[in-house]
Amino acid sequence: MPAVLSGARMVGCQFEAAKGAVVGPVFVDEEATRSLGGGELEGWLSAQGAESVQVVG
């Protein structure tokens, strides 16, 4: 089962070696104005060290 993170604020989270599946979109900035989902979120997570996380929604 994927983790449902819709609307979560991901600023300051550590993602190194994270794996699994998530549902977004999530906020990726301090002000909660930049929301990413789908392929954009997957790319952002990968850039944060979560190379084995798949975004499924």
Protein backbone atom coordinates (compact mmCIF):
# COMPACT_ATOMS: atom_id res chain seq x y z
CA MET A 1 0.00 0.00 0.00
CA PRO A 2 1.35 3.45 -0.85
CA ALA A 3 1.73 6.10 1.82
CA VAL A 4 -0.81 8.87 1.24
CA LEU A 5 1.03 12.17 1.68
CA SER A 6 -1.41 14.48 -0.12
CA GLY A 7 -1.01 17.99 1.25
CA ALA A 8 1.96 17.10 3.46
CA ARG A 9 4.80 19.58 3.94
CA MET A 10 8.03 17.80 3.08
CA VAL A 11 10.48 20.57 4.00
CA GLY A 12 13.29 19.32 6.23
CA CYS A 13 12.48 15.63 5.78
CA GLN A 14 15.29 13.14 5.21
CA PHE A 15 14.84 10.81 2.26
CA GLU A 16 18.21 9.08 1.91
CA ALA A 17 17.68 5.39 1.06
CA ALA A 18 13.87 5.77 1.18
CA LYS A 19 11.90 3.25 -0.85
CA GLY A 20 8.28 2.46 -1.52
CA ALA A 21 5.30 4.21 -3.08
CA VAL A 22 3.59 7.49 -2.20
CA VAL A 23 0.52 9.44 -3.25
CA GLY A 24 0.88 13.22 -3.59
CA PRO A 25 0.84 16.07 -4.28
CA VAL A 26 2.97 17.47 -1.46
CA PHE A 27 4.39 20.88 -0.59
CA VAL A 28 8.16 21.19 -0.99
CA ASP A 29 8.85 24.73 0.26
CA GLU A 30 8.69 26.56 3.60
CA GLU A 31 5.70 28.72 2.60
CA ALA A 32 3.65 25.74 1.34
CA THR A 33 3.15 27.41 -2.04
CA ARG A 34 5.06 24.96 -4.25
CA SER A 35 3.12 21.74 -4.71
CA LEU A 36 4.50 18.78 -6.67
CA GLY A 37 2.85 15.57 -7.77
CA GLY A 38 3.37 12.79 -10.29
CA GLY A 39 6.64 12.78 -12.22
CA GLU A 40 7.72 16.13 -10.78
CA LEU A 41 7.42 14.80 -7.24
CA GLU A 42 9.22 11.60 -8.17
CA GLY A 43 12.10 13.65 -9.63
CA TRP A 44 12.23 15.89 -6.57
CA LEU A 45 12.29 12.91 -4.21
CA SER A 46 15.06 11.31 -6.25
CA ALA A 47 17.11 14.53 -6.06
CA GLN A 48 16.66 14.39 -2.25
CA GLY A 49 18.17 10.89 -2.10
CA ALA A 50 14.98 8.78 -2.36
CA GLU A 51 15.94 6.96 -5.53
CA SER A 52 13.57 4.04 -4.88
CA VAL A 53 10.31 5.93 -4.28
CA GLN A 54 7.55 5.71 -6.87
CA VAL A 55 4.75 8.28 -7.00
CA VAL A 56 1.44 6.57 -7.76
CA GLY A 57 -1.14 9.28 -7.83
